[in-house]
């Protein structure tokens, strides 16, 4: 069976199939005098869910990765979100419905909101919200946790889906791997599996149907394979491969404190992408050179009423800046669209027909300065506490850039009049993720202090595809000649203007592209911390002089199949 491998490794063992189905949720009309009792029942379920997560968090072993606590903290934070708690209570009171039904309706509404989001990281937050809602539902329905069952030593769990809390419990139970019907590569469960070293394959449709409890199975986390009832020869081959992977992991761990330097002494910066202040611990543990992308959208999402104020944002940014000390922290200004409903006042706005091409990111900020200026003030104030950089997403014209720079200057003047401290020379950079910006990078460069290439959107816009549309996502190719040429144009424009160029898209953390990007002249990579050591290994095994020659040959190739073959050849001695 095929799925998506999200955590490398190989596991062999008996299958433990989890039965996690919840009963159908009834829709019940509550008597007037029972409404507040129903509200109290819901509030108790929320308190029970909070207690369960707190217990799991307190029992995290000392040797667990830093992100383990961060993911549980994120779920605990969701439990206080007014869009879940207050809205559900409002539905119970207003519509006189049972708590289970009211919570389910709210979950469906939130799901629709997340599914309209273009950014895969933001869209993926739907999974965390649904995990929390299911925990509350289980408490309301008095349904026990499937992961609290006793497991045979060395079992491989096959489930519909797993939460980060489930994953920690299963690790404690010493399971060897897991397979799920649902899930994706950037979910918190997938990230935690990688950090804990648990081989995992997700999105194996029908896995819980096709695998029998107790049956011998093999999980190949790299290839995304689930092998059911393997023969003796297959078992022997996978035991050999498992030993190779174990040795490779030990090799990576030894690199944690080693510098990211090529064999001909080229210094490369490997930075971390983060989403929440709690994520900074993961970046520190990975020995990141800084924060190359701090996504600020999560402060704005799923709020009822007004967006976060200047002081709330300031506290969040300062927490990260102080934690990173002298290392750079690149804060991206809000990258949401009008369809994201960043606060209650905007709920009445019409949803854009095509949000990826509509009023989003810098366009929304310039359209609504009341949203943008408090964030600029908060970032500027945070710059007094460390090495802060501002990054503007989705620039497509000089006029947009000039308007942003004018607003920054006005905000600086206002802070100066108020005697607020800030760095008057704070670097301002542009995210190059629109083809127009890449083609015109040389026109932007004189007015910016750095570039950062956002490959996720750059590939989507260049190839005119929707990344979330299964019918066309096979066309999503980071090695498409047009994409590589836009990346080279941006890097060359940065070099000519003597400003640094980074990359913060998924491509930066994919070891298949590390050597090619080095050959194109990229010296600053920002990625999820979980991939940082693997990229560092490739950097340390590379010679800039050699990969530059290979990159020239690759760019000269117009046929996609041959281009891919050349990239494979470039990696032949480092990727197995």
Protein backbone atom coordinates (compact mmCIF):
# COMPACT_ATOMS: atom_id res chain seq x y z
CA UNK A 1 0.00 0.00 0.00
CA UNK A 2 1.29 3.47 -0.89
CA UNK A 3 1.06 6.65 1.16
CA UNK A 4 3.23 9.64 2.08
CA UNK A 5 6.39 8.93 4.02
CA UNK A 6 6.74 11.62 6.69
CA UNK A 7 9.40 10.15 8.96
CA UNK A 8 12.31 8.14 7.56
CA UNK A 9 13.05 4.74 8.94
CA UNK A 10 12.04 1.12 8.61
CA UNK A 11 10.01 -0.92 11.07
CA UNK A 12 8.92 -4.56 11.06
CA UNK A 13 6.40 -6.00 13.48
CA UNK A 14 2.83 -7.00 14.27
CA UNK A 15 0.05 -4.58 13.37
CA UNK A 16 -2.06 -3.05 16.13
CA UNK A 17 -5.15 -1.63 14.42
CA UNK A 18 -6.78 1.16 16.45
CA UNK A 19 -10.55 1.53 16.36
CA UNK A 20 -11.12 5.27 16.85
CA UNK A 21 -14.54 5.84 15.31
CA UNK A 22 -16.87 8.10 17.26
CA UNK A 23 -20.61 7.44 17.31
CA UNK A 24 -22.86 9.59 15.14
CA UNK A 25 -23.53 12.96 16.78
CA UNK A 26 -27.23 13.49 17.51
CA UNK A 27 -28.96 16.86 17.15
CA UNK A 28 -31.05 17.38 20.29
CA UNK A 29 -33.28 20.32 21.21
CA UNK A 30 -32.62 21.31 24.85
CA UNK A 31 -35.38 22.51 27.18
CA UNK A 32 -35.05 26.14 28.31
CA UNK A 33 -34.32 25.19 31.91
CA UNK A 34 -31.59 22.74 30.79
CA UNK A 35 -29.56 25.15 28.65
CA UNK A 36 -27.16 26.32 31.38
CA UNK A 37 -26.71 22.72 32.55
CA UNK A 38 -25.68 21.85 28.97
CA UNK A 39 -23.26 24.80 28.93
CA UNK A 40 -21.75 23.56 32.20
CA UNK A 41 -21.41 20.05 30.73
CA UNK A 42 -19.51 21.48 27.77
CA UNK A 43 -17.27 23.56 30.02
CA UNK A 44 -16.49 20.46 32.08
CA UNK A 45 -15.55 18.57 28.91
CA UNK A 46 -13.16 21.38 27.95
CA UNK A 47 -11.65 21.27 31.45
CA UNK A 48 -11.27 17.47 31.17
CA UNK A 49 -9.50 17.82 27.80
CA UNK A 50 -7.18 20.45 29.29
CA UNK A 51 -6.40 18.20 32.25
CA UNK A 52 -5.64 15.23 29.96
CA UNK A 53 -3.25 17.26 27.82
CA UNK A 54 -1.57 18.78 30.89
CA UNK A 55 -0.93 15.31 32.32
CA UNK A 56 0.59 14.13 29.03
CA UNK A 57 2.71 17.28 28.86
CA UNK A 58 3.95 16.89 32.43
CA UNK A 59 4.93 13.27 31.70
CA UNK A 60 7.09 14.13 28.67
CA UNK A 61 10.45 12.42 29.26
CA UNK A 62 13.51 14.62 29.72
CA UNK A 63 15.12 13.28 26.54
CA UNK A 64 12.09 14.11 24.35
CA UNK A 65 12.63 16.73 21.61
CA UNK A 66 11.79 20.35 22.57
CA UNK A 67 8.93 20.51 20.07
CA UNK A 68 7.00 17.84 21.99
CA UNK A 69 6.02 20.33 24.70
CA UNK A 70 5.44 23.04 22.09
CA UNK A 71 2.87 21.00 20.17
CA UNK A 72 0.98 20.16 23.36
CA UNK A 73 1.13 23.82 24.39
CA UNK A 74 -0.41 24.68 21.01
CA UNK A 75 -3.30 22.28 21.67
CA UNK A 76 -3.76 23.68 25.18
CA UNK A 77 -3.89 27.17 23.65
CA UNK A 78 -6.55 26.06 21.16
CA UNK A 79 -8.67 24.96 24.13
CA UNK A 80 -8.86 28.62 25.21
CA UNK A 81 -9.68 29.94 21.73
CA UNK A 82 -12.94 31.93 21.77
CA UNK A 83 -13.74 30.65 18.27
CA UNK A 84 -14.12 27.20 19.82
CA UNK A 85 -15.21 27.74 23.41
CA UNK A 86 -17.27 30.95 23.27
CA UNK A 87 -18.81 30.20 19.87
CA UNK A 88 -19.92 26.72 20.96
CA UNK A 89 -21.47 28.09 24.15
CA UNK A 90 -23.21 30.78 22.09
CA UNK A 91 -24.68 28.07 19.80
CA UNK A 92 -25.89 26.03 22.78
CA UNK A 93 -27.67 29.07 24.24
CA UNK A 94 -28.94 30.64 21.04
CA UNK A 95 -30.11 27.48 19.25
CA UNK A 96 -30.79 25.38 22.37
CA UNK A 97 -28.80 22.42 21.04
CA UNK A 98 -26.76 19.74 22.75
CA UNK A 99 -23.07 20.46 23.30
CA UNK A 100 -21.84 17.68 20.98
CA UNK A 101 -23.82 19.03 18.04
CA UNK A 102 -22.91 22.67 18.74
CA UNK A 103 -19.20 21.76 18.89
CA UNK A 104 -19.42 19.76 15.67
CA UNK A 105 -21.08 22.67 13.83
CA UNK A 106 -18.33 25.01 15.00
CA UNK A 107 -15.71 22.51 13.89
CA UNK A 108 -17.24 22.34 10.39
CA UNK A 109 -17.21 26.14 10.14
CA UNK A 110 -13.55 26.33 11.17
CA UNK A 111 -12.67 23.55 8.73
CA UNK A 112 -14.16 25.52 5.85
CA UNK A 113 -12.16 28.59 6.88
CA UNK A 114 -8.89 26.66 6.98
CA UNK A 115 -9.53 24.86 3.70
CA UNK A 116 -9.78 28.19 1.87
CA UNK A 117 -6.27 29.10 2.97
CA UNK A 118 -3.55 28.99 0.33
CA UNK A 119 -0.50 28.63 2.57
CA UNK A 120 -0.06 24.90 3.34
CA UNK A 121 1.21 25.61 6.85
CA UNK A 122 -1.84 27.69 7.71
CA UNK A 123 -4.22 25.24 6.04
CA UNK A 124 -2.65 22.42 8.00
CA UNK A 125 -3.64 24.07 11.31
CA UNK A 126 -7.09 22.62 10.62
CA UNK A 127 -5.70 19.26 11.77
CA UNK A 128 -4.67 20.63 15.18
CA UNK A 129 -8.08 22.23 15.71
CA UNK A 130 -9.90 19.02 14.74
CA UNK A 131 -7.70 16.99 17.09
CA UNK A 132 -8.65 19.27 19.98
CA UNK A 133 -12.34 19.17 19.05
CA UNK A 134 -12.25 15.37 18.97
CA UNK A 135 -10.70 15.29 22.44
CA UNK A 136 -13.54 17.45 23.79
CA UNK A 137 -16.11 15.29 21.96
CA UNK A 138 -14.66 12.11 23.47
CA UNK A 139 -15.05 13.66 26.89
CA UNK A 140 -18.66 14.66 26.17
CA UNK A 141 -19.47 11.19 24.79
CA UNK A 142 -17.52 9.39 27.52
CA UNK A 143 -15.53 7.64 24.77
CA UNK A 144 -12.15 6.40 25.95
CA UNK A 145 -8.82 7.08 24.25
CA UNK A 146 -7.81 4.27 21.89
CA UNK A 147 -4.14 5.05 22.53
CA UNK A 148 -4.56 4.20 26.21
CA UNK A 149 -4.86 0.52 25.32
CA UNK A 150 -2.10 -1.98 26.06
CA UNK A 151 0.22 -2.60 23.11
CA UNK A 152 2.32 -5.62 22.31
CA UNK A 153 6.03 -4.76 22.54
CA UNK A 154 7.31 -3.64 19.13
CA UNK A 155 3.86 -3.25 17.60
CA UNK A 156 3.18 -1.02 14.60
CA UNK A 157 0.08 1.12 15.05
CA UNK A 158 -2.39 1.42 12.17
CA UNK A 159 -4.96 4.17 12.78
CA UNK A 160 -7.29 6.57 11.05
CA UNK A 161 -5.34 9.56 12.41
CA UNK A 162 -3.14 10.44 15.39
CA UNK A 163 -2.64 13.62 17.39
CA UNK A 164 0.74 14.81 18.74
CA UNK A 165 -0.46 13.70 22.20
CA UNK A 166 -1.28 10.23 20.80
CA UNK A 167 2.19 10.08 19.27
CA UNK A 168 3.87 10.83 22.59
CA UNK A 169 1.77 8.20 24.36
CA UNK A 170 2.61 5.63 21.68
CA UNK A 171 6.32 6.43 21.93
CA UNK A 172 6.07 5.82 25.67
CA UNK A 173 4.38 2.48 24.83
CA UNK A 174 7.47 1.61 22.72
CA UNK A 175 5.65 1.15 19.44
CA UNK A 176 7.96 0.79 16.43
CA UNK A 177 6.11 2.85 13.81
CA UNK A 178 2.69 4.07 12.77
CA UNK A 179 0.54 4.24 9.66
CA UNK A 180 -2.57 6.41 9.25
CA UNK A 181 -5.37 6.73 6.73
CA UNK A 182 -5.17 10.54 6.97
CA UNK A 183 -2.46 13.11 7.57
CA UNK A 184 0.18 15.11 5.74
CA UNK A 185 3.94 15.77 5.79
CA UNK A 186 3.78 19.12 7.61
CA UNK A 187 1.33 18.14 10.36
CA UNK A 188 2.55 18.42 13.94
CA UNK A 189 2.16 14.65 14.27
CA UNK A 190 4.48 14.12 11.28
CA UNK A 191 7.02 16.62 12.60
CA UNK A 192 6.96 15.02 16.04
CA UNK A 193 7.37 11.55 14.52
CA UNK A 194 10.52 12.77 12.75
CA UNK A 195 11.87 14.30 15.95
CA UNK A 196 11.14 11.17 17.98
CA UNK A 197 12.63 8.93 15.31
CA UNK A 198 9.39 6.99 14.75
CA UNK A 199 9.05 5.69 11.15
CA UNK A 200 5.70 6.86 9.83
CA UNK A 201 3.60 6.76 6.67
CA UNK A 202 0.41 8.81 6.41
CA UNK A 203 -2.39 9.17 3.87
CA UNK A 204 -2.53 5.40 3.27
CA UNK A 205 -6.18 5.31 2.27
CA UNK A 206 -7.98 2.30 3.68
CA UNK A 207 -5.06 1.10 5.82
CA UNK A 208 -7.32 0.31 8.77
CA UNK A 209 -9.56 -1.71 6.42
CA UNK A 210 -6.89 -3.75 4.67
CA UNK A 211 -4.58 -4.58 7.60
CA UNK A 212 -5.61 -7.27 10.06
CA UNK A 213 -4.83 -6.97 13.75
CA UNK A 214 -1.67 -8.97 14.60
CA UNK A 215 -0.58 -9.34 10.96
CA UNK A 216 3.13 -8.84 10.22
CA UNK A 217 3.76 -5.59 8.34
CA UNK A 218 6.71 -3.45 7.21
CA UNK A 219 6.68 0.36 7.28
CA UNK A 220 9.11 2.14 4.95
CA UNK A 221 8.98 5.78 6.04
CA UNK A 222 11.26 7.04 3.28
CA UNK A 223 9.42 5.51 0.34
CA UNK A 224 5.95 5.87 1.87
CA UNK A 225 5.26 2.13 1.71
CA UNK A 226 3.22 -0.22 3.86
CA UNK A 227 4.00 -3.86 3.07
CA UNK A 228 1.47 -6.36 4.39
CA UNK A 229 2.41 -10.01 5.09
CA UNK A 230 5.94 -9.79 3.55
CA UNK A 231 7.77 -12.92 2.41
CA UNK A 232 11.09 -14.06 3.95
CA UNK A 233 13.28 -12.44 1.29
CA UNK A 234 11.55 -9.04 1.74
CA UNK A 235 11.96 -9.27 5.53
CA UNK A 236 15.70 -9.95 5.19
CA UNK A 237 16.20 -7.06 2.77
CA UNK A 238 14.38 -4.60 5.03
CA UNK A 239 16.34 -5.72 8.12
CA UNK A 240 19.53 -4.83 6.22
CA UNK A 241 18.14 -1.44 5.19
CA UNK A 242 17.04 -0.72 8.78
CA UNK A 243 20.61 -1.17 10.01
CA UNK A 244 21.89 1.29 7.39
CA UNK A 245 19.33 3.91 8.50
CA UNK A 246 20.31 3.51 12.17
CA UNK A 247 23.94 4.22 11.32
CA UNK A 248 22.95 7.26 9.22
CA UNK A 249 20.94 8.77 12.10
CA UNK A 250 23.91 8.47 14.42
CA UNK A 251 26.00 10.27 11.83
CA UNK A 252 23.49 13.15 11.65
CA UNK A 253 23.30 13.54 15.43
CA UNK A 254 27.09 13.96 15.55
CA UNK A 255 26.70 16.99 13.25
CA UNK A 256 24.47 18.94 15.67
CA UNK A 257 27.26 21.23 16.88
CA UNK A 258 29.35 21.14 13.70
CA UNK A 259 29.47 24.25 11.50
CA UNK A 260 27.63 24.35 8.17
CA UNK A 261 30.75 24.74 6.03
CA UNK A 262 31.47 23.23 2.61
CA UNK A 263 34.64 21.25 1.94
CA UNK A 264 36.18 24.31 0.29
CA UNK A 265 35.35 26.44 3.35
CA UNK A 266 32.19 28.12 2.10
CA UNK A 267 30.14 29.25 5.11
CA UNK A 268 26.42 28.53 4.77
CA UNK A 269 23.70 29.88 7.06
CA UNK A 270 21.04 27.33 8.05
CA UNK A 271 18.10 29.05 9.72
CA UNK A 272 14.71 27.93 11.03
CA UNK A 273 11.13 28.63 10.02
CA UNK A 274 8.80 29.05 13.00
CA UNK A 275 5.10 29.70 13.52
CA UNK A 276 4.68 30.33 17.25
CA UNK A 277 6.95 31.74 20.00
CA UNK A 278 7.08 28.24 21.54
CA UNK A 279 8.74 26.96 18.33
CA UNK A 280 11.92 28.87 19.14
CA UNK A 281 13.03 26.03 21.44
CA UNK A 282 13.08 23.65 18.48
CA UNK A 283 15.18 26.11 16.48
CA UNK A 284 17.66 26.43 19.33
CA UNK A 285 17.93 22.66 19.76
CA UNK A 286 18.73 22.32 16.03
CA UNK A 287 21.52 24.91 16.42
CA UNK A 288 19.88 27.16 13.82
CA UNK A 289 21.88 30.23 12.74
CA UNK A 290 18.77 32.33 13.27
CA UNK A 291 15.08 32.56 12.44
CA UNK A 292 14.81 32.95 8.68
CA UNK A 293 11.01 33.08 8.68
CA UNK A 294 8.72 33.89 11.60
CA UNK A 295 5.17 33.47 10.31
CA UNK A 296 3.04 35.93 12.26
CA UNK A 297 -0.36 34.85 10.90
CA UNK A 298 -1.20 32.61 13.85
CA UNK A 299 -1.57 35.63 16.12
CA UNK A 300 -4.36 36.87 13.85
CA UNK A 301 -6.30 33.70 13.13
CA UNK A 302 -9.53 32.38 14.68
CA UNK A 303 -10.18 35.43 16.81
CA UNK A 304 -13.56 36.82 17.65
CA UNK A 305 -13.70 40.61 17.68
CA UNK A 306 -10.55 42.59 16.95
CA UNK A 307 -7.15 41.41 15.71
CA UNK A 308 -4.25 41.28 18.20
CA UNK A 309 -3.21 44.71 19.41
CA UNK A 310 0.23 46.22 19.22
CA UNK A 311 1.21 45.18 22.76
CA UNK A 312 0.10 41.56 22.32
CA UNK A 313 2.13 41.29 19.13
CA UNK A 314 5.11 43.04 20.73
CA UNK A 315 5.18 40.50 23.60
CA UNK A 316 5.13 37.58 21.16
CA UNK A 317 7.93 39.00 19.00
CA UNK A 318 10.14 39.99 21.94
CA UNK A 319 9.87 36.50 23.39
CA UNK A 320 11.42 35.07 20.21
CA UNK A 321 13.97 37.86 19.78
CA UNK A 322 15.27 37.56 23.35
CA UNK A 323 15.46 33.78 23.11
CA UNK A 324 17.61 33.99 19.96
CA UNK A 325 20.07 36.48 21.50
CA UNK A 326 22.33 38.03 18.86
CA UNK A 327 21.07 35.76 16.07
CA UNK A 328 18.83 37.30 13.38
CA UNK A 329 15.04 36.98 13.60
CA UNK A 330 13.25 37.67 10.31
CA UNK A 331 9.62 38.58 11.02
CA UNK A 332 7.31 38.30 8.02
CA UNK A 333 4.45 40.77 8.09
CA UNK A 334 0.98 39.26 8.03
CA UNK A 335 0.37 36.98 5.04
CA UNK A 336 -3.37 36.42 5.15
CA UNK A 337 -6.10 37.19 2.64
CA UNK A 338 -9.45 38.89 2.97
CA UNK A 339 -10.94 35.38 2.83
CA UNK A 340 -9.19 34.43 6.07
CA UNK A 341 -11.50 36.55 8.29
CA UNK A 342 -8.76 37.88 10.54
CA UNK A 343 -11.29 39.44 12.88
CA UNK A 344 -14.98 39.63 13.49
CA UNK A 345 -15.37 42.99 11.76
CA UNK A 346 -14.25 41.48 8.46
CA UNK A 347 -16.56 38.48 8.49
CA UNK A 348 -19.04 40.27 6.26
CA UNK A 349 -16.52 40.76 3.45
CA UNK A 350 -17.13 38.69 0.35
CA UNK A 351 -14.80 35.75 -0.03
CA UNK A 352 -12.42 36.21 -2.93
CA UNK A 353 -13.15 34.03 -5.95
CA UNK A 354 -9.46 33.15 -6.14
CA UNK A 355 -7.82 34.02 -2.80
CA UNK A 356 -4.32 33.13 -4.06
CA UNK A 357 -4.57 35.99 -6.57
CA UNK A 358 -6.69 38.37 -4.52
CA UNK A 359 -6.37 40.77 -1.62
CA UNK A 360 -3.73 39.02 0.46
CA UNK A 361 -0.38 39.65 2.16
CA UNK A 362 1.09 43.10 1.40
CA UNK A 363 -1.98 43.96 -0.71
CA UNK A 364 -4.26 43.47 2.29
CA UNK A 365 -1.86 45.42 4.52
CA UNK A 366 -1.81 48.41 2.18
CA UNK A 367 -5.59 48.18 1.70
CA UNK A 368 -6.10 48.18 5.49
CA UNK A 369 -3.35 50.17 7.28
CA UNK A 370 -5.26 49.77 10.59
CA UNK A 371 -4.19 46.12 10.44
CA UNK A 372 -0.65 46.81 9.24
CA UNK A 373 0.56 49.76 11.31
CA UNK A 374 0.11 48.13 14.76
CA UNK A 375 2.19 45.19 13.49
CA UNK A 376 4.91 47.50 12.17
CA UNK A 377 4.98 49.32 15.52
CA UNK A 378 5.25 46.02 17.40
CA UNK A 379 8.08 44.72 15.19
CA UNK A 380 9.99 48.00 15.39
CA UNK A 381 9.68 48.07 19.19
CA UNK A 382 10.89 44.45 19.34
CA UNK A 383 13.97 45.47 17.32
CA UNK A 384 15.30 47.27 20.40
CA UNK A 385 15.83 43.85 22.02
CA UNK A 386 17.82 42.01 19.35
CA UNK A 387 18.69 41.42 15.72
CA UNK A 388 15.29 41.86 14.01
CA UNK A 389 14.58 42.03 10.27
CA UNK A 390 11.24 42.86 8.60
CA UNK A 391 10.18 40.80 5.58
CA UNK A 392 7.36 41.90 3.25
CA UNK A 393 5.51 39.02 1.52
CA UNK A 394 4.13 38.87 -2.02
CA UNK A 395 5.69 42.02 -3.43
CA UNK A 396 4.92 42.39 -7.12
CA UNK A 397 5.59 46.04 -7.95
CA UNK A 398 7.87 48.88 -6.95
CA UNK A 399 4.87 51.01 -6.09
CA UNK A 400 3.83 48.50 -3.38
CA UNK A 401 7.34 48.53 -1.99
CA UNK A 402 7.52 52.35 -1.92
CA UNK A 403 4.19 52.54 -0.09
CA UNK A 404 5.42 50.03 2.48
CA UNK A 405 8.67 51.94 3.00
CA UNK A 406 6.71 55.17 3.45
CA UNK A 407 4.53 53.52 6.11
CA UNK A 408 7.63 52.20 7.88
CA UNK A 409 9.17 55.69 7.91
CA UNK A 410 5.91 57.19 9.24
CA UNK A 411 5.76 54.52 11.95
CA UNK A 412 9.38 55.20 12.95
CA UNK A 413 8.61 58.91 13.26
CA UNK A 414 5.58 58.20 15.44
CA UNK A 415 7.61 55.92 17.73
CA UNK A 416 10.36 58.52 17.94
CA UNK A 417 7.86 61.20 18.99
CA UNK A 418 6.52 58.80 21.64
CA UNK A 419 10.12 58.16 22.82
CA UNK A 420 9.80 54.45 22.11
CA UNK A 421 13.06 52.59 21.53
CA UNK A 422 13.67 50.78 18.23
CA UNK A 423 16.45 50.07 15.75
CA UNK A 424 16.31 53.00 13.27
CA UNK A 425 18.33 50.94 10.75
CA UNK A 426 16.25 47.79 10.95
CA UNK A 427 16.81 45.75 7.76
CA UNK A 428 13.80 45.45 5.46
CA UNK A 429 13.60 42.63 2.94
CA UNK A 430 11.25 41.34 0.31
CA UNK A 431 9.88 37.85 -0.13
CA UNK A 432 10.32 36.86 -3.77
CA UNK A 433 7.38 34.56 -4.47
CA UNK A 434 5.69 36.16 -7.46
CA UNK A 435 7.29 35.72 -10.92
CA UNK A 436 7.04 39.48 -11.52
CA UNK A 437 9.21 40.09 -8.44
CA UNK A 438 11.81 37.51 -9.51
CA UNK A 439 12.04 38.92 -13.04
CA UNK A 440 12.31 42.46 -11.62
CA UNK A 441 14.51 41.55 -8.65
CA UNK A 442 17.21 43.94 -9.90
CA UNK A 443 14.67 46.79 -9.70
CA UNK A 444 13.72 45.93 -6.10
CA UNK A 445 17.26 45.31 -4.85
CA UNK A 446 18.41 48.97 -4.51
CA UNK A 447 15.60 49.62 -2.01
CA UNK A 448 15.85 46.47 0.10
CA UNK A 449 18.38 45.00 2.53
CA UNK A 450 17.79 41.34 1.62
CA UNK A 451 15.70 38.92 -0.43
CA UNK A 452 14.11 35.66 0.67
CA UNK A 453 12.78 33.32 -2.01
CA UNK A 454 9.43 31.76 -1.15
CA UNK A 455 9.47 28.73 -3.42
CA UNK A 456 6.04 27.34 -2.47
CA UNK A 457 4.13 30.22 -4.06
CA UNK A 458 6.79 30.96 -6.68
CA UNK A 459 6.37 27.47 -8.15
CA UNK A 460 2.58 27.66 -7.97
CA UNK A 461 2.35 31.04 -9.69
CA UNK A 462 5.01 30.23 -12.28
CA UNK A 463 3.39 26.95 -13.34
CA UNK A 464 -0.21 28.21 -12.95
CA UNK A 465 -1.30 25.34 -10.70
CA UNK A 466 -3.20 25.01 -7.46
CA UNK A 467 -1.03 23.10 -4.99
CA UNK A 468 -4.08 21.76 -3.17
CA UNK A 469 -5.80 20.43 -6.29
CA UNK A 470 -5.05 16.71 -6.57
CA UNK A 471 -5.89 16.80 -10.28
CA UNK A 472 -2.93 19.05 -11.13
CA UNK A 473 -0.47 18.78 -8.24
CA UNK A 474 1.64 16.34 -10.29
CA UNK A 475 2.72 19.44 -12.25
CA UNK A 476 4.22 21.00 -9.10
CA UNK A 477 7.92 20.67 -9.97
CA UNK A 478 10.65 22.64 -8.16
CA UNK A 479 13.06 21.59 -10.93
CA UNK A 480 11.00 23.05 -13.77
CA UNK A 481 13.46 25.07 -15.92
CA UNK A 482 11.40 28.25 -15.53
CA UNK A 483 11.47 27.98 -11.74
CA UNK A 484 15.23 27.42 -11.65
CA UNK A 485 15.79 30.41 -13.91
CA UNK A 486 13.72 32.66 -11.65
CA UNK A 487 15.68 31.47 -8.63
CA UNK A 488 18.97 32.19 -10.44
CA UNK A 489 17.73 35.65 -11.51
CA UNK A 490 16.92 36.54 -7.90
CA UNK A 491 20.26 35.30 -6.55
CA UNK A 492 22.19 37.15 -9.25
CA UNK A 493 20.25 40.38 -8.62
CA UNK A 494 21.06 40.10 -4.91
CA UNK A 495 24.76 39.54 -5.61
CA UNK A 496 24.93 42.48 -7.99
CA UNK A 497 23.32 44.76 -5.37
CA UNK A 498 25.43 43.17 -2.60
CA UNK A 499 22.45 42.14 -0.51
CA UNK A 500 22.00 38.64 0.96
CA UNK A 501 19.57 36.21 -0.62
CA UNK A 502 17.88 33.47 1.42
CA UNK A 503 15.33 30.78 0.60
CA UNK A 504 12.53 29.96 3.03
CA UNK A 505 10.23 27.66 1.03
CA UNK A 506 9.97 23.88 1.27
CA UNK A 507 12.70 23.56 -1.36
CA UNK A 508 15.26 24.93 1.13
CA UNK A 509 14.75 21.99 3.49
CA UNK A 510 14.72 19.26 0.84
CA UNK A 511 18.13 17.56 0.64
CA UNK A 512 17.50 16.62 -3.01
CA UNK A 513 17.96 20.29 -3.95
CA UNK A 514 20.68 21.41 -1.51
CA UNK A 515 23.64 20.95 -3.86
CA UNK A 516 21.84 22.50 -6.81
CA UNK A 517 20.92 25.57 -4.74
CA UNK A 518 24.50 25.87 -3.50
CA UNK A 519 25.60 25.71 -7.12
CA UNK A 520 23.17 28.52 -8.01
CA UNK A 521 24.87 30.68 -5.37
CA UNK A 522 22.46 30.35 -2.44
CA UNK A 523 24.23 30.71 0.91
CA UNK A 524 21.29 31.13 3.30
CA UNK A 525 18.67 28.40 3.76
CA UNK A 526 15.67 28.60 6.12
CA UNK A 527 13.65 25.47 6.83
CA UNK A 528 11.76 23.51 9.45
CA UNK A 529 14.28 22.65 12.19
CA UNK A 530 13.59 18.92 11.73
CA UNK A 531 15.37 18.97 8.35
CA UNK A 532 18.30 21.16 9.35
CA UNK A 533 20.80 18.41 10.24
CA UNK A 534 20.15 16.50 7.02
CA UNK A 535 20.77 19.66 4.96
CA UNK A 536 23.89 20.39 7.02
CA UNK A 537 25.25 16.96 6.14
CA UNK A 538 24.89 17.66 2.41
CA UNK A 539 26.54 21.08 2.81
CA UNK A 540 29.54 19.56 4.60
CA UNK A 541 29.95 16.91 1.89
CA UNK A 542 29.89 19.45 -0.96
CA UNK A 543 32.48 21.57 -2.77
CA UNK A 544 31.19 24.89 -4.09
CA UNK A 545 33.54 24.81 -7.06
CA UNK A 546 32.14 21.43 -8.13
CA UNK A 547 28.42 22.11 -7.56
CA UNK A 548 28.66 25.42 -9.44
CA UNK A 549 29.86 23.59 -12.56
CA UNK A 550 27.05 21.05 -12.18
CA UNK A 551 24.46 23.80 -11.71
CA UNK A 552 25.53 25.42 -15.00
CA UNK A 553 25.04 22.11 -16.82
CA UNK A 554 21.63 21.61 -15.21
CA UNK A 555 20.42 25.10 -16.13
CA UNK A 556 21.55 24.54 -19.71
CA UNK A 557 19.29 21.48 -19.94
CA UNK A 558 15.84 22.22 -21.38
CA UNK A 559 14.35 18.71 -21.24
CA UNK A 560 12.78 18.14 -17.81
CA UNK A 561 13.48 14.39 -17.68
CA UNK A 562 17.18 14.88 -18.41
CA UNK A 563 17.33 17.77 -15.96
CA UNK A 564 15.99 15.54 -13.19
CA UNK A 565 18.54 12.86 -14.14
CA UNK A 566 21.38 15.39 -13.84
CA UNK A 567 20.19 16.41 -10.35
CA UNK A 568 20.10 12.75 -9.32
CA UNK A 569 23.64 12.33 -10.63
CA UNK A 570 24.73 15.41 -8.66
CA UNK A 571 23.48 13.74 -5.46
CA UNK A 572 24.64 10.21 -6.28
CA UNK A 573 27.36 10.08 -3.60
CA UNK A 574 25.27 11.65 -0.79
CA UNK A 575 21.71 10.35 -1.22
CA UNK A 576 20.95 6.65 -1.10
